[in-house]
Structures are given as C-alpha cells and as structure tokens.
Amino acid sequence: MKQFDYVRPATVAEAVAAAVQPGAAYLAAGTNLLDLMKGGVSRPDRLVDVTHLDGLDAIETLADGSLRIGALVSNADLAHDPVFARSYPAVAEALLSGASAQLRNAATVGGNLLQRTRCAYFYDTASRCNKREAGSGCDARDGENRGHAVLGWSDSCIATHPSDFCVPLVALDAVVEIEGKSGRREIALDELHCLPGNSPERESALEPGDIVVAVRLPPAARGFAAHARYLKVRDRTSYAFAVVSAAAALRIENGKVAEARIALGGVAAKPWRVRAAEDVLRGVAPTADAFQEAAWRALTDAKPSGDNAFKIELARRIVMRALTLAAAGTPARLPALPASPFAATSGAIHA
C-alpha cells in the first residue's frame, strides 16, 4: 500500500485546511475508502480523520420543523431512531436494505452520500476506466454491463451510483450542508452528484477541501410518512447493491394524489428524481392506470448502455409496485426483509 500522511484535526475548520491540499481524502468509517486503498484504486497522499469532530453526530429537529442529520451519524443509528423511522419510513427502509448490519453500524451518513461506484472495471486497476484515470477509456462499454446505467450515461462512463439512502432523500428534497475554504453553503442533494458527460472523473459538486457536515430534510418531507415506500431489486436478497430501486411517496387528500415524489436508484451515476412522472399523478386518483402511466413516463429517456435493456422494463415495474404499496399505506412495521418486493411485513415497529 502507498504510504500516506495521517492527520486528525480538532475542528471542522482545521479539517478543511488539511484536506484542501492536493491528494487529501477524508476518513470517517472508511467502509468504502479503505477497500479502494487496499485495491490500489484510490491512492491518497493524506488521510484527514474526521471521526472525532464535535457536532457532526447529532439527529435534531430544527425550529422550522426540518430534520438535521449530522454527517457522522451511523446508518444504523439513523435507521433505528424511532422518531426518524416513523417520520421518514422510506428512508429508514432504504438504509436497512443496504450492506450488512456490521457495515451499517460503522458507515456514516456523509460517507454514504459520497460512496464510489461499484462498477467492476472501476475496481480493476488492469481495466481502462475514465472515472479512475481520465482519458483512459471505458472497458465496461464492451464488457459485462448488465448492471450499468440506462439513464444519463455517456460514451465515457456507464457506471451507476450505489447508494440506497440517497434515493428517498432525493425524492424528499433533502439538502446537503457543506463546509469549505470559503465557508458554509448548502446544495440540494439532487445537484450534488454529477452525470459523467465527458468528465466522469468529477463525481460531485464538491470542491477540494469541502466536507459534508449534515443532511437536512425539509418540514414538508414529514407529510409523506403515511404513504411512502422504498423497493429494491437485487441479484440476491441481502448484502447486494440494487439492480434497480425506487422510492415512492404520496400525499393523498380526499381520495386523490395531492403530491407525489418518485426517484430511481441503480439506473444512473446519481439518484434519479423523475418529476415528469410525479406530475402525471398530481390531482388524480391513485389507480393502477395512473401508476402505470407514471412508471412509463419515469423511463421515457432511458436507453441501454450495453446488455441491460431489461433494466428499463424492470425499473418501470418497480416504480409501479412502489407506488401501489405506497398508496396502500406505510406499514406499521418495517418489513423483515427491508425494501424487498417479496417481503412480508413482519419486522421492526416504526413507532
């Protein structure tokens, strides 16, 4: 392994100053970064350990009713927080569908947002990968690509973003708080991740030294708690990333959909919000025909990037299934197999 400097700052400002130097990387749980370092995919010159910074590990309700989640809160602590699970059930279900219990106990909210793609060619340093080495080419284009993107991809990169957590967060208009060399700023989570275009090596809107300090859910996000689900189709039921996934949240008033939120995972280099599909449902009864039209609209722009045309139809079906389950009402218990389309509802109690 390449030698590197190790820095443990005492404050967020010190962390930013240490990480703004070229070749620096932030270290929290390291559930993704350390694997990349061991495989020679990521080779930082400096690790900036942020695990002991004050003020980044709290879950708090703000005066305006929004929920602020510190970047160092673990995935497990957030998912099992009873108030959080009751208020944002689709997000809790997404968190519990990812990785193993051991990894969820360690992995952090901030790290989850910024995890790297699981494309096998990105991880294989003998393969060409524009994301890992700009201008080298993309072996995935003519390789094993059944799990790759069907939305927003380019000839330079067809990788997908692996997070489950990000999908319902994007649907619920989450905001990311960022500290950088110019101070603190906010960005919509929907704008945090970049599509590949001709520069797939740039994966996010973060600048050198920027650190995610919190994620915030607006007050309106609680209004979907009664009708919200996250579903995930994967090659095996546990410990696997999504082939496709969908978050669906509805606000139903007087027998009609007052507002809908839909986002897809496993289909692009970022969690994919589909506002056109949401518009289809506004003001109509929550029927199978309406859901089918929304599902079709959600994938209008999709096209295969290789041997993955099946993902388009699969994504349509998972959107329709997620909407159907959301309309039926959020279950009182999280499923024993969270986010599985085949799970019976017999798991943890929300309240």
Protein backbone atom coordinates (compact mmCIF):
# COMPACT_ATOMS: atom_id res chain seq x y z
CA MET A 1 0.00 0.00 0.00
CA LYS A 2 1.15 3.50 -0.76
CA GLN A 3 2.43 5.49 2.21
CA PHE A 4 0.34 8.46 3.29
CA ASP A 5 0.17 11.13 5.96
CA TYR A 6 -2.42 10.83 8.71
CA VAL A 7 -3.96 13.99 10.17
CA ARG A 8 -6.50 14.21 12.99
CA PRO A 9 -7.87 17.76 13.16
CA ALA A 10 -9.73 19.11 16.21
CA THR A 11 -12.27 21.26 14.36
CA VAL A 12 -14.12 21.35 11.06
CA ALA A 13 -12.09 24.41 10.03
CA GLU A 14 -8.83 22.55 10.69
CA ALA A 15 -10.14 19.57 8.71
CA VAL A 16 -10.92 21.75 5.70
CA ALA A 17 -7.47 23.37 5.87
CA ALA A 18 -5.82 19.94 5.96
CA ALA A 19 -7.97 18.45 3.19
CA VAL A 20 -7.68 21.33 0.73
CA GLN A 21 -4.16 20.15 -0.11
CA PRO A 22 -3.89 18.08 -3.32
CA GLY A 23 -4.11 14.33 -2.74
CA ALA A 24 -6.05 14.54 0.54
CA ALA A 25 -9.09 12.46 1.42
CA TYR A 26 -11.43 12.50 4.38
CA LEU A 27 -11.63 9.38 6.56
CA ALA A 28 -14.73 8.58 8.62
CA ALA A 29 -15.75 4.92 8.86
CA GLY A 30 -13.75 4.09 5.73
CA THR A 31 -16.12 1.28 4.71
CA ASN A 32 -15.61 2.25 1.05
CA LEU A 33 -12.36 4.24 1.08
CA LEU A 34 -10.23 1.59 2.78
CA ASP A 35 -11.33 -1.06 0.29
CA LEU A 36 -10.37 1.27 -2.55
CA MET A 37 -6.99 1.95 -0.98
CA LYS A 38 -6.27 -1.74 -0.46
CA GLY A 39 -7.02 -2.41 -4.12
CA GLY A 40 -4.89 0.48 -5.35
CA VAL A 41 -7.92 2.24 -6.83
CA SER A 42 -7.63 5.23 -4.51
CA ARG A 43 -4.13 6.39 -3.56
CA PRO A 44 -4.41 9.45 -1.30
CA ASP A 45 -1.32 11.27 -0.07
CA ARG A 46 -3.06 12.33 3.14
CA LEU A 47 -5.94 10.98 5.21
CA VAL A 48 -7.84 13.55 7.27
CA ASP A 49 -9.57 11.70 10.11
CA VAL A 50 -12.86 13.43 10.96
CA THR A 51 -14.34 10.78 13.22
CA HIS A 52 -13.91 12.80 16.44
CA LEU A 53 -15.09 16.20 15.27
CA ASP A 54 -17.70 17.74 17.57
CA GLY A 55 -21.20 18.49 16.40
CA LEU A 56 -21.40 16.08 13.47
CA ASP A 57 -23.08 13.13 15.19
CA ALA A 58 -26.47 14.53 16.19
CA ILE A 59 -30.02 13.99 14.90
CA GLU A 60 -32.03 17.11 15.68
CA THR A 61 -35.35 18.69 14.80
CA LEU A 62 -34.91 22.38 13.99
CA ALA A 63 -37.26 25.22 14.87
CA ASP A 64 -38.81 25.26 11.38
CA GLY A 65 -39.67 21.54 11.62
CA SER A 66 -36.87 20.29 9.37
CA LEU A 67 -34.68 17.41 10.48
CA ARG A 68 -30.89 17.85 10.53
CA ILE A 69 -28.73 14.72 10.45
CA GLY A 70 -25.03 15.10 11.25
CA ALA A 71 -22.63 13.60 8.72
CA LEU A 72 -21.09 11.28 11.32
CA VAL A 73 -24.38 9.69 12.40
CA SER A 74 -24.16 5.99 11.58
CA ASN A 75 -26.57 4.40 9.13
CA ALA A 76 -27.77 2.02 11.84
CA ASP A 77 -28.37 4.72 14.47
CA LEU A 78 -30.39 6.76 11.99
CA ALA A 79 -32.48 3.86 10.68
CA HIS A 80 -33.30 2.63 14.20
CA ASP A 81 -34.15 6.05 15.63
CA PRO A 82 -37.89 5.62 16.34
CA VAL A 83 -38.86 9.21 15.57
CA PHE A 84 -36.91 9.16 12.33
CA ALA A 85 -38.30 5.80 11.21
CA ARG A 86 -41.86 6.94 11.92
CA SER A 87 -41.44 10.29 10.15
CA TYR A 88 -39.40 9.14 7.14
CA PRO A 89 -40.18 5.42 6.74
CA ALA A 90 -38.93 5.08 3.15
CA VAL A 91 -35.53 6.47 4.15
CA ALA A 92 -35.28 4.08 7.10
CA GLU A 93 -36.25 1.16 4.86
CA ALA A 94 -33.60 2.17 2.31
CA LEU A 95 -30.92 2.34 4.99
CA LEU A 96 -31.79 -1.10 6.35
CA SER A 97 -31.68 -2.64 2.87
CA GLY A 98 -28.05 -1.68 2.36
CA ALA A 99 -24.95 -3.74 3.20
CA SER A 100 -24.78 -5.83 6.38
CA ALA A 101 -25.65 -4.94 9.97
CA GLN A 102 -21.94 -4.69 10.79
CA LEU A 103 -21.32 -2.20 7.99
CA ARG A 104 -24.42 -0.18 8.87
CA ASN A 105 -23.13 0.12 12.42
CA ALA A 106 -19.92 1.71 11.12
CA ALA A 107 -20.88 3.53 7.92
CA THR A 108 -21.77 7.20 8.19
CA VAL A 109 -24.45 9.36 6.61
CA GLY A 110 -21.87 11.62 4.94
CA GLY A 111 -19.87 8.70 3.61
CA ASN A 112 -22.98 7.04 2.22
CA LEU A 113 -23.71 10.08 0.08
CA LEU A 114 -20.20 10.12 -1.36
CA GLN A 115 -19.50 6.42 -1.85
CA ARG A 116 -17.96 5.46 -5.17
CA THR A 117 -19.46 3.32 -7.90
CA ARG A 118 -19.26 -0.47 -7.60
CA CYS A 119 -18.50 -0.90 -11.32
CA ALA A 120 -16.14 -3.88 -11.57
CA TYR A 121 -13.98 -2.10 -14.14
CA PHE A 122 -13.51 0.84 -11.78
CA TYR A 123 -12.27 -1.57 -9.11
CA ASP A 124 -9.98 -3.50 -11.51
CA THR A 125 -6.83 -1.42 -11.98
CA ALA A 126 -5.90 -3.55 -15.01
CA SER A 127 -9.02 -2.31 -16.82
CA ARG A 128 -9.50 1.00 -18.57
CA CYS A 129 -11.73 3.37 -16.59
CA ASN A 130 -12.23 7.05 -17.30
CA LYS A 131 -13.57 7.59 -13.78
CA ARG A 132 -10.38 6.20 -12.23
CA GLU A 133 -7.96 7.55 -14.86
CA ALA A 134 -9.34 10.33 -17.06
CA GLY A 135 -8.96 9.68 -20.79
CA SER A 136 -8.01 6.02 -20.46
CA GLY A 137 -11.26 4.64 -21.90
CA CYS A 138 -14.18 2.60 -20.57
CA ASP A 139 -13.90 -1.18 -20.71
CA ALA A 140 -17.42 -1.50 -19.36
CA ARG A 141 -18.83 -0.33 -22.70
CA ASP A 142 -17.92 -3.63 -24.37
CA GLY A 143 -17.68 -5.71 -21.22
CA GLU A 144 -20.01 -7.20 -18.62
CA ASN A 145 -22.52 -4.39 -18.28
CA ARG A 146 -25.93 -5.82 -17.37
CA GLY A 147 -25.91 -3.78 -14.15
CA HIS A 148 -24.89 -0.48 -15.67
CA ALA A 149 -26.72 2.78 -16.38
CA VAL A 150 -29.78 3.27 -18.55
CA LEU A 151 -30.22 6.98 -17.79
CA GLY A 152 -27.79 9.88 -18.00
CA TRP A 153 -24.82 7.82 -19.21
CA SER A 154 -22.27 8.83 -21.83
CA ASP A 155 -19.73 7.07 -24.03
CA SER A 156 -17.14 7.98 -21.39
CA CYS A 157 -18.83 6.20 -18.49
CA ILE A 158 -21.86 3.98 -17.86
CA ALA A 159 -21.36 3.40 -14.12
CA THR A 160 -24.16 3.76 -11.56
CA HIS A 161 -24.28 5.30 -8.10
CA PRO A 162 -24.73 2.56 -5.49
CA SER A 163 -26.46 4.32 -2.56
CA ASP A 164 -29.89 3.20 -1.36
CA PHE A 165 -30.09 6.02 1.20
CA CYS A 166 -29.78 8.75 -1.43
CA VAL A 167 -32.79 7.63 -3.45
CA PRO A 168 -35.60 8.52 -1.00
CA LEU A 169 -33.58 11.51 0.20
CA VAL A 170 -33.61 12.95 -3.33
CA ALA A 171 -37.32 12.25 -3.60
CA LEU A 172 -37.93 14.19 -0.37
CA ASP A 173 -35.87 17.26 -1.41
CA ALA A 174 -33.00 16.70 1.02
CA VAL A 175 -30.39 19.42 1.32
CA VAL A 176 -26.67 18.89 1.99
CA GLU A 177 -24.73 21.25 4.24
CA ILE A 178 -21.11 21.67 3.15
CA GLU A 179 -18.15 23.37 4.84
CA GLY A 180 -15.34 24.53 2.59
CA LYS A 181 -12.49 27.00 2.36
CA SER A 182 -14.98 29.78 1.57
CA GLY A 183 -17.27 28.92 4.48
CA ARG A 184 -20.55 27.04 4.75
CA ARG A 185 -23.02 26.58 1.92
CA GLU A 186 -25.97 24.37 1.02
CA ILE A 187 -26.82 22.38 -2.07
CA ALA A 188 -29.82 20.26 -2.98
CA LEU A 189 -28.88 16.59 -2.85
CA ASP A 190 -30.31 16.28 -6.36
CA GLU A 191 -27.49 18.58 -7.53
CA LEU A 192 -24.65 17.03 -5.50
CA HIS A 193 -23.75 14.18 -7.87
CA CYS A 194 -22.59 14.79 -11.42
CA LEU A 195 -23.53 12.91 -14.56
CA PRO A 196 -20.47 11.63 -16.45
CA GLY A 197 -20.61 13.61 -19.68
CA ASN A 198 -17.04 13.93 -20.92
CA SER A 199 -15.61 14.23 -17.39
CA PRO A 200 -16.65 11.14 -15.39
CA GLU A 201 -13.70 11.64 -13.03
CA ARG A 202 -15.67 14.53 -11.46
CA GLU A 203 -18.31 12.78 -9.43
CA SER A 204 -19.77 15.57 -7.30
CA ALA A 205 -20.14 19.31 -6.96
CA LEU A 206 -17.68 19.34 -4.04
CA GLU A 207 -14.53 21.42 -4.33
CA PRO A 208 -11.12 20.50 -2.84
CA GLY A 209 -11.35 20.57 0.94
CA ASP A 210 -15.16 20.53 1.04
CA ILE A 211 -16.65 18.35 3.75
CA VAL A 212 -20.28 17.31 4.16
CA VAL A 213 -21.31 18.30 7.69
CA ALA A 214 -25.03 17.44 7.62
CA VAL A 215 -28.06 16.38 5.60
CA ARG A 216 -31.35 18.17 6.15
CA LEU A 217 -34.88 17.05 5.36
CA PRO A 218 -37.41 19.89 4.95
CA PRO A 219 -40.61 20.08 7.04
CA ALA A 220 -42.74 19.04 4.05
CA ALA A 221 -40.99 15.65 3.93
CA ARG A 222 -42.91 14.51 7.01
CA GLY A 223 -46.16 14.95 5.09
CA PHE A 224 -45.46 11.77 3.10
CA ALA A 225 -44.99 9.48 6.11
CA ALA A 226 -48.38 7.76 5.74
CA HIS A 227 -47.74 6.68 2.15
CA ALA A 228 -44.04 6.05 1.48
CA ARG A 229 -42.04 3.00 0.39
CA TYR A 230 -38.62 2.07 -0.94
CA LEU A 231 -38.23 -1.07 -3.08
CA LYS A 232 -35.04 -2.64 -4.32
CA VAL A 233 -34.48 -5.44 -6.83
CA ARG A 234 -31.10 -7.13 -6.38
CA ASP A 235 -29.38 -10.30 -7.50
CA ARG A 236 -29.70 -11.71 -4.00
CA THR A 237 -31.95 -10.57 -1.20
CA SER A 238 -29.27 -9.41 1.24
CA TYR A 239 -25.86 -7.74 1.11
CA ALA A 240 -26.25 -6.72 -2.53
CA PHE A 241 -26.48 -3.43 -4.38
CA ALA A 242 -29.59 -2.57 -6.37
CA VAL A 243 -30.05 -3.68 -9.94
CA VAL A 244 -32.86 -1.12 -9.86
CA SER A 245 -34.66 0.53 -6.96
CA ALA A 246 -37.42 3.07 -6.47
CA ALA A 247 -38.67 5.39 -3.76
CA ALA A 248 -42.30 6.42 -3.92
CA ALA A 249 -44.05 8.86 -1.59
CA LEU A 250 -47.60 10.15 -1.90
CA ARG A 251 -49.70 12.73 -0.13
CA ILE A 252 -53.31 11.67 -0.59
CA GLU A 253 -56.20 14.03 0.14
CA ASN A 254 -59.90 13.36 -0.48
CA GLY A 255 -59.13 10.22 -2.45
CA LYS A 256 -56.71 11.90 -4.86
CA VAL A 257 -52.94 12.37 -5.04
CA ALA A 258 -52.22 15.90 -3.85
CA GLU A 259 -48.48 15.42 -4.35
CA ALA A 260 -46.17 12.60 -5.46
CA ARG A 261 -42.45 12.03 -5.15
CA ILE A 262 -40.58 9.39 -7.19
CA ALA A 263 -36.89 8.61 -7.50
CA LEU A 264 -34.90 5.73 -9.00
CA GLY A 265 -31.68 4.05 -7.96
CA GLY A 266 -29.28 1.74 -9.79
CA VAL A 267 -30.05 3.36 -13.14
CA ALA A 268 -27.63 6.30 -13.38
CA ALA A 269 -24.50 7.90 -11.95
CA LYS A 270 -26.73 9.72 -9.47
CA PRO A 271 -30.03 9.04 -7.72
CA TRP A 272 -32.61 9.86 -10.39
CA ARG A 273 -35.58 12.07 -9.48
CA VAL A 274 -38.41 11.81 -12.03
CA ARG A 275 -40.51 14.94 -11.73
CA ALA A 276 -42.32 14.29 -15.01
CA ALA A 277 -43.72 11.09 -13.52
CA GLU A 278 -44.72 12.95 -10.37
CA ASP A 279 -46.65 15.48 -12.45
CA VAL A 280 -48.70 12.69 -14.02
CA LEU A 281 -50.13 11.75 -10.63
CA ARG A 282 -50.95 15.18 -9.25
CA GLY A 283 -54.70 15.59 -8.80
CA VAL A 284 -55.71 12.11 -9.95
CA ALA A 285 -56.98 9.06 -8.10
CA PRO A 286 -54.26 6.58 -7.04
CA THR A 287 -55.21 3.86 -9.52
CA ALA A 288 -53.25 1.16 -11.34
CA ASP A 289 -53.72 3.00 -14.65
CA ALA A 290 -52.32 6.23 -13.20
CA PHE A 291 -49.36 4.40 -11.70
CA GLN A 292 -48.67 2.64 -14.99
CA GLU A 293 -48.62 5.98 -16.82
CA ALA A 294 -46.26 7.45 -14.21
CA ALA A 295 -43.95 4.44 -14.46
CA TRP A 296 -43.84 4.74 -18.22
CA ARG A 297 -43.10 8.47 -18.01
CA ALA A 298 -40.30 7.81 -15.50
CA LEU A 299 -38.29 5.83 -18.07
CA THR A 300 -39.12 7.83 -21.21
CA ASP A 301 -35.49 8.90 -21.68
CA ALA A 302 -33.93 5.55 -20.78
CA LYS A 303 -31.76 3.64 -23.24
CA PRO A 304 -29.47 0.61 -22.83
CA SER A 305 -25.76 1.21 -22.35
CA GLY A 306 -24.98 -2.44 -23.13
CA ASP A 307 -26.60 -5.75 -22.31
CA ASN A 308 -29.07 -4.12 -19.94
CA ALA A 309 -32.25 -3.27 -21.85
CA PHE A 310 -34.11 -5.43 -19.32
CA LYS A 311 -33.40 -2.80 -16.63
CA ILE A 312 -35.73 -0.33 -18.32
CA GLU A 313 -38.78 -2.58 -18.09
CA LEU A 314 -37.71 -3.76 -14.64
CA ALA A 315 -37.47 -0.16 -13.44
CA ARG A 316 -40.95 0.59 -14.79
CA ARG A 317 -42.36 -2.36 -12.89
CA ILE A 318 -40.60 -1.48 -9.65
CA VAL A 319 -41.88 2.11 -9.88
CA MET A 320 -45.43 0.85 -10.33
CA ARG A 321 -45.02 -1.63 -7.46
CA ALA A 322 -43.57 1.03 -5.16
CA LEU A 323 -46.42 3.41 -5.96
CA THR A 324 -49.01 0.69 -5.38
CA LEU A 325 -47.54 -0.19 -1.98
CA ALA A 326 -47.18 3.46 -1.01
CA ALA A 327 -50.83 4.12 -1.89
CA ALA A 328 -51.87 1.18 0.29
CA GLY A 329 -50.22 2.91 3.23
CA THR A 330 -46.92 2.73 5.06
CA PRO A 331 -46.94 -0.47 7.11
CA ALA A 332 -46.87 -0.19 10.89
CA ARG A 333 -43.78 -2.37 10.85
CA LEU A 334 -40.70 -2.21 8.66
CA PRO A 335 -40.52 -5.43 6.62
CA ALA A 336 -38.32 -8.20 7.98
CA LEU A 337 -36.55 -8.04 4.61
CA PRO A 338 -36.44 -4.26 4.11
CA ALA A 339 -37.12 -2.98 0.57
CA SER A 340 -37.65 -6.47 -0.87
CA PRO A 341 -40.64 -6.64 -3.26
CA PHE A 342 -41.22 -10.17 -1.95
CA ALA A 343 -41.11 -9.43 1.78
CA ALA A 344 -43.94 -9.94 4.21
CA THR A 345 -44.41 -7.08 6.65
CA SER A 346 -43.33 -8.59 9.96
CA GLY A 347 -40.24 -6.72 11.04
CA ALA A 348 -39.45 -3.81 13.35
CA ILE A 349 -42.18 -1.49 14.62
CA HIS A 350 -41.98 2.09 13.32
CA ALA A 351 -43.46 3.75 16.37
